[in-house]
Amino acid sequence: MLIRDFCTKNVVTASEEETLFDAAKKMWEGDVGTVVIIDEERVPIGIITDRDVAMKGVALDDPTWAPLKETMAHDIIVLHQDRDLSEAIQIMSEQGIRRIPIVDDDGKLAGILSLDDVMMVFGQGLSQLAGTVAYGLCAPPGKKTGAGKR
């Protein structure tokens, strides 16, 4: 399973010259918890989350107009869209991160993979498995269910 098949393609972005206020407004309007900061060529250079807005916004003297280049996380992990989803999950787990910008062959932003995306993939898979189990348990009389096979 490739990341490209599960990541969110419509990513809210900003430039590093925009402000913390701009990022918060974009999050509110887009109903998202993350803004990916990109350069002129759409290469991810930072990220800011709703938690950053809340925590840094309170800690700064003038939070509203603080430029994102001063408040964003600069040391971000990005992954190529053709990497395996299991690799992304392992990195998220090891690094304790909930969102990873996804890039294409040119290093340009192609999407974002969130913990929510991963949970949806596994939730749908588990639901399908549960449906299969339920069908086997509730099969009409005389129909083989495969129960007991190993």
C-alpha atoms as a PDB file:
ATOM      1  CA  MET A   1       0.000   0.000   0.000  1.00  0.00           C
ATOM      2  CA  LEU A   2       1.540   3.262  -1.115  1.00  0.00           C
ATOM      3  CA  ILE A   3       1.227   6.533   0.770  1.00  0.00           C
ATOM      4  CA  ARG A   4      -0.111   8.249  -2.360  1.00  0.00           C
ATOM      5  CA  ASP A   5      -3.262   6.139  -2.143  1.00  0.00           C
ATOM      6  CA  PHE A   6      -4.138   7.251   1.386  1.00  0.00           C
ATOM      7  CA  CYS A   7      -2.802  10.761   1.954  1.00  0.00           C
ATOM      8  CA  THR A   8      -4.966  13.874   1.789  1.00  0.00           C
ATOM      9  CA  LYS A   9      -4.224  15.697  -1.468  1.00  0.00           C
ATOM     10  CA  ASN A  10      -5.861  19.042  -0.652  1.00  0.00           C
ATOM     11  CA  VAL A  11      -3.343  20.559   1.764  1.00  0.00           C
ATOM     12  CA  VAL A  12      -3.668  23.965   3.391  1.00  0.00           C
ATOM     13  CA  THR A  13      -0.422  25.857   2.802  1.00  0.00           C
ATOM     14  CA  ALA A  14       1.216  29.166   3.614  1.00  0.00           C
ATOM     15  CA  SER A  15       4.467  30.985   2.930  1.00  0.00           C
ATOM     16  CA  GLU A  16       6.989  31.597   5.689  1.00  0.00           C
ATOM     17  CA  GLU A  17       6.273  35.334   5.475  1.00  0.00           C
ATOM     18  CA  GLU A  18       2.638  34.872   6.511  1.00  0.00           C
ATOM     19  CA  THR A  19       1.775  35.291  10.168  1.00  0.00           C
ATOM     20  CA  LEU A  20       0.601  33.082  12.983  1.00  0.00           C
ATOM     21  CA  PHE A  21      -2.760  34.828  12.641  1.00  0.00           C
ATOM     22  CA  ASP A  22      -2.880  33.939   8.919  1.00  0.00           C
ATOM     23  CA  ALA A  23      -2.169  30.285   9.706  1.00  0.00           C
ATOM     24  CA  ALA A  24      -4.829  30.182  12.436  1.00  0.00           C
ATOM     25  CA  LYS A  25      -7.369  31.729  10.074  1.00  0.00           C
ATOM     26  CA  LYS A  26      -6.543  29.190   7.342  1.00  0.00           C
ATOM     27  CA  MET A  27      -6.915  26.341   9.833  1.00  0.00           C
ATOM     28  CA  TRP A  28     -10.286  27.655  10.939  1.00  0.00           C
ATOM     29  CA  GLU A  29     -11.554  28.198   7.390  1.00  0.00           C
ATOM     30  CA  GLY A  30     -10.228  24.847   6.147  1.00  0.00           C
ATOM     31  CA  ASP A  31     -11.290  22.930   9.264  1.00  0.00           C
ATOM     32  CA  VAL A  32      -7.782  21.489   9.582  1.00  0.00           C
ATOM     33  CA  GLY A  33      -5.197  21.293  12.339  1.00  0.00           C
ATOM     34  CA  THR A  34      -2.097  21.822  10.202  1.00  0.00           C
ATOM     35  CA  VAL A  35      -0.678  24.270   7.693  1.00  0.00           C
ATOM     36  CA  VAL A  36       2.321  23.181   5.631  1.00  0.00           C
ATOM     37  CA  ILE A  37       4.755  26.000   4.952  1.00  0.00           C
ATOM     38  CA  ILE A  38       6.077  25.881   1.388  1.00  0.00           C
ATOM     39  CA  ASP A  39       8.617  27.853  -0.611  1.00  0.00           C
ATOM     40  CA  GLU A  40       8.001  29.450  -4.026  1.00  0.00           C
ATOM     41  CA  GLU A  41       8.355  26.065  -5.743  1.00  0.00           C
ATOM     42  CA  ARG A  42       5.886  24.272  -3.405  1.00  0.00           C
ATOM     43  CA  VAL A  43       8.644  22.461  -1.531  1.00  0.00           C
ATOM     44  CA  PRO A  44       7.697  21.895   2.134  1.00  0.00           C
ATOM     45  CA  ILE A  45      10.012  23.857   4.438  1.00  0.00           C
ATOM     46  CA  GLY A  46       8.047  23.816   7.679  1.00  0.00           C
ATOM     47  CA  ILE A  47       4.818  22.973   9.404  1.00  0.00           C
ATOM     48  CA  ILE A  48       2.618  24.602  12.004  1.00  0.00           C
ATOM     49  CA  THR A  49      -0.168  22.926  13.938  1.00  0.00           C
ATOM     50  CA  ASP A  50      -3.141  24.139  15.904  1.00  0.00           C
ATOM     51  CA  ARG A  51      -1.207  23.238  19.052  1.00  0.00           C
ATOM     52  CA  ASP A  52       1.655  25.481  17.904  1.00  0.00           C
ATOM     53  CA  VAL A  53      -0.798  28.329  17.369  1.00  0.00           C
ATOM     54  CA  ALA A  54      -2.237  27.872  20.842  1.00  0.00           C
ATOM     55  CA  MET A  55       1.033  27.383  22.715  1.00  0.00           C
ATOM     56  CA  LYS A  56       3.288  29.798  20.820  1.00  0.00           C
ATOM     57  CA  GLY A  57       0.491  32.284  20.475  1.00  0.00           C
ATOM     58  CA  VAL A  58       0.218  32.525  24.243  1.00  0.00           C
ATOM     59  CA  ALA A  59       3.969  32.493  24.850  1.00  0.00           C
ATOM     60  CA  LEU A  60       4.902  35.254  22.379  1.00  0.00           C
ATOM     61  CA  ASP A  61       4.689  38.946  23.204  1.00  0.00           C
ATOM     62  CA  ASP A  62       2.850  39.783  19.983  1.00  0.00           C
ATOM     63  CA  PRO A  63       1.542  36.446  18.700  1.00  0.00           C
ATOM     64  CA  THR A  64      -0.860  37.731  16.082  1.00  0.00           C
ATOM     65  CA  TRP A  65       1.746  39.133  13.739  1.00  0.00           C
ATOM     66  CA  ALA A  66       4.638  36.726  14.379  1.00  0.00           C
ATOM     67  CA  PRO A  67       5.909  35.497  10.994  1.00  0.00           C
ATOM     68  CA  LEU A  68       5.637  31.766  10.419  1.00  0.00           C
ATOM     69  CA  LYS A  69       9.377  31.538   9.750  1.00  0.00           C
ATOM     70  CA  GLU A  70       9.815  32.305  13.467  1.00  0.00           C
ATOM     71  CA  THR A  71       7.097  29.996  14.771  1.00  0.00           C
ATOM     72  CA  MET A  72       6.976  27.011  12.405  1.00  0.00           C
ATOM     73  CA  ALA A  73       8.734  23.702  12.981  1.00  0.00           C
ATOM     74  CA  HIS A  74      11.730  23.723  10.635  1.00  0.00           C
ATOM     75  CA  ASP A  75      13.020  20.195  11.204  1.00  0.00           C
ATOM     76  CA  ILE A  76      10.159  18.389   9.505  1.00  0.00           C
ATOM     77  CA  ILE A  77      10.054  14.877   8.142  1.00  0.00           C
ATOM     78  CA  VAL A  78       8.741  14.537   4.604  1.00  0.00           C
ATOM     79  CA  LEU A  79       8.097  11.293   2.763  1.00  0.00           C
ATOM     80  CA  HIS A  80       7.876  10.439  -0.918  1.00  0.00           C
ATOM     81  CA  GLN A  81       4.422   9.478  -2.120  1.00  0.00           C
ATOM     82  CA  ASP A  82       5.667   6.107  -3.429  1.00  0.00           C
ATOM     83  CA  ARG A  83       6.864   4.860  -0.042  1.00  0.00           C
ATOM     84  CA  ASP A  84       4.961   2.134   1.680  1.00  0.00           C
ATOM     85  CA  LEU A  85       2.279   3.114   4.175  1.00  0.00           C
ATOM     86  CA  SER A  86       3.799   0.769   6.754  1.00  0.00           C
ATOM     87  CA  GLU A  87       7.042   2.791   6.641  1.00  0.00           C
ATOM     88  CA  ALA A  88       5.112   5.986   7.314  1.00  0.00           C
ATOM     89  CA  ILE A  89       3.333   4.370  10.244  1.00  0.00           C
ATOM     90  CA  GLN A  90       6.631   3.214  11.707  1.00  0.00           C
ATOM     91  CA  ILE A  91       8.147   6.703  11.365  1.00  0.00           C
ATOM     92  CA  MET A  92       5.069   8.328  12.919  1.00  0.00           C
ATOM     93  CA  SER A  93       5.277   5.918  15.835  1.00  0.00           C
ATOM     94  CA  GLU A  94       9.028   6.266  16.377  1.00  0.00           C
ATOM     95  CA  GLN A  95       9.035  10.062  16.061  1.00  0.00           C
ATOM     96  CA  GLY A  96       5.763  10.685  17.891  1.00  0.00           C
ATOM     97  CA  ILE A  97       4.318  12.750  15.039  1.00  0.00           C
ATOM     98  CA  ARG A  98       0.755  12.892  13.773  1.00  0.00           C
ATOM     99  CA  ARG A  99       1.222  14.473  10.345  1.00  0.00           C
ATOM    100  CA  ILE A 100       3.799  14.103   7.566  1.00  0.00           C
ATOM    101  CA  PRO A 101       3.965  16.197   4.385  1.00  0.00           C
ATOM    102  CA  ILE A 102       4.147  14.000   1.280  1.00  0.00           C
ATOM    103  CA  VAL A 103       6.206  14.971  -1.771  1.00  0.00           C
ATOM    104  CA  ASP A 104       6.370  13.941  -5.422  1.00  0.00           C
ATOM    105  CA  ASP A 105       9.421  13.117  -7.557  1.00  0.00           C
ATOM    106  CA  ASP A 106      10.363  16.810  -7.730  1.00  0.00           C
ATOM    107  CA  GLY A 107      10.177  17.266  -3.954  1.00  0.00           C
ATOM    108  CA  LYS A 108       7.014  19.358  -4.282  1.00  0.00           C
ATOM    109  CA  LEU A 109       4.110  19.033  -1.898  1.00  0.00           C
ATOM    110  CA  ALA A 110       1.732  16.303  -3.094  1.00  0.00           C
ATOM    111  CA  GLY A 111      -0.306  15.732   0.055  1.00  0.00           C
ATOM    112  CA  ILE A 112      -0.220  15.171   3.776  1.00  0.00           C
ATOM    113  CA  LEU A 113      -0.577  11.932   5.701  1.00  0.00           C
ATOM    114  CA  SER A 114      -2.186  12.228   9.102  1.00  0.00           C
ATOM    115  CA  LEU A 115      -2.777   9.813  11.907  1.00  0.00           C
ATOM    116  CA  ASP A 116      -6.484  10.225  11.091  1.00  0.00           C
ATOM    117  CA  ASP A 117      -5.830   8.985   7.521  1.00  0.00           C
ATOM    118  CA  VAL A 118      -4.029   5.930   8.878  1.00  0.00           C
ATOM    119  CA  MET A 119      -6.829   5.214  11.356  1.00  0.00           C
ATOM    120  CA  MET A 120      -9.397   5.399   8.537  1.00  0.00           C
ATOM    121  CA  VAL A 121      -7.449   2.863   6.460  1.00  0.00           C
ATOM    122  CA  PHE A 122      -7.250   0.383   9.307  1.00  0.00           C
ATOM    123  CA  GLY A 123     -10.788   1.100  10.485  1.00  0.00           C
ATOM    124  CA  GLN A 124     -12.181   0.327   7.040  1.00  0.00           C
ATOM    125  CA  GLY A 125     -10.082  -2.824   6.834  1.00  0.00           C
ATOM    126  CA  LEU A 126     -11.284  -4.021  10.223  1.00  0.00           C
ATOM    127  CA  SER A 127     -14.863  -3.250   9.258  1.00  0.00           C
ATOM    128  CA  GLN A 128     -14.530  -5.378   6.131  1.00  0.00           C
ATOM    129  CA  LEU A 129     -13.046  -8.221   8.157  1.00  0.00           C
ATOM    130  CA  ALA A 130     -15.851  -7.954  10.706  1.00  0.00           C
ATOM    131  CA  GLY A 131     -18.377  -8.122   7.879  1.00  0.00           C
ATOM    132  CA  THR A 132     -16.732 -11.260   6.572  1.00  0.00           C
ATOM    133  CA  VAL A 133     -16.785 -12.852  10.018  1.00  0.00           C
ATOM    134  CA  ALA A 134     -20.420 -11.859  10.535  1.00  0.00           C
ATOM    135  CA  TYR A 135     -21.387 -13.291   7.153  1.00  0.00           C
ATOM    136  CA  GLY A 136     -19.699 -16.572   8.038  1.00  0.00           C
ATOM    137  CA  LEU A 137     -21.525 -16.753  11.344  1.00  0.00           C
ATOM    138  CA  CYS A 138     -24.883 -15.896   9.831  1.00  0.00           C
ATOM    139  CA  ALA A 139     -24.725 -17.918   6.601  1.00  0.00           C
ATOM    140  CA  PRO A 140     -27.965 -19.601   5.523  1.00  0.00           C
ATOM    141  CA  PRO A 141     -28.404 -23.266   6.564  1.00  0.00           C
ATOM    142  CA  GLY A 142     -26.536 -25.660   4.314  1.00  0.00           C
ATOM    143  CA  LYS A 143     -24.130 -22.987   3.055  1.00  0.00           C
ATOM    144  CA  LYS A 144     -20.511 -23.625   3.901  1.00  0.00           C
ATOM    145  CA  THR A 145     -18.948 -20.837   5.876  1.00  0.00           C
ATOM    146  CA  GLY A 146     -15.385 -22.020   6.048  1.00  0.00           C
ATOM    147  CA  ALA A 147     -15.634 -22.077   9.820  1.00  0.00           C
ATOM    148  CA  GLY A 148     -13.083 -24.334  11.387  1.00  0.00           C
ATOM    149  CA  LYS A 149     -10.645 -24.088   8.480  1.00  0.00           C
ATOM    150  CA  ARG A 150      -7.118 -23.052   9.269  1.00  0.00           C
END
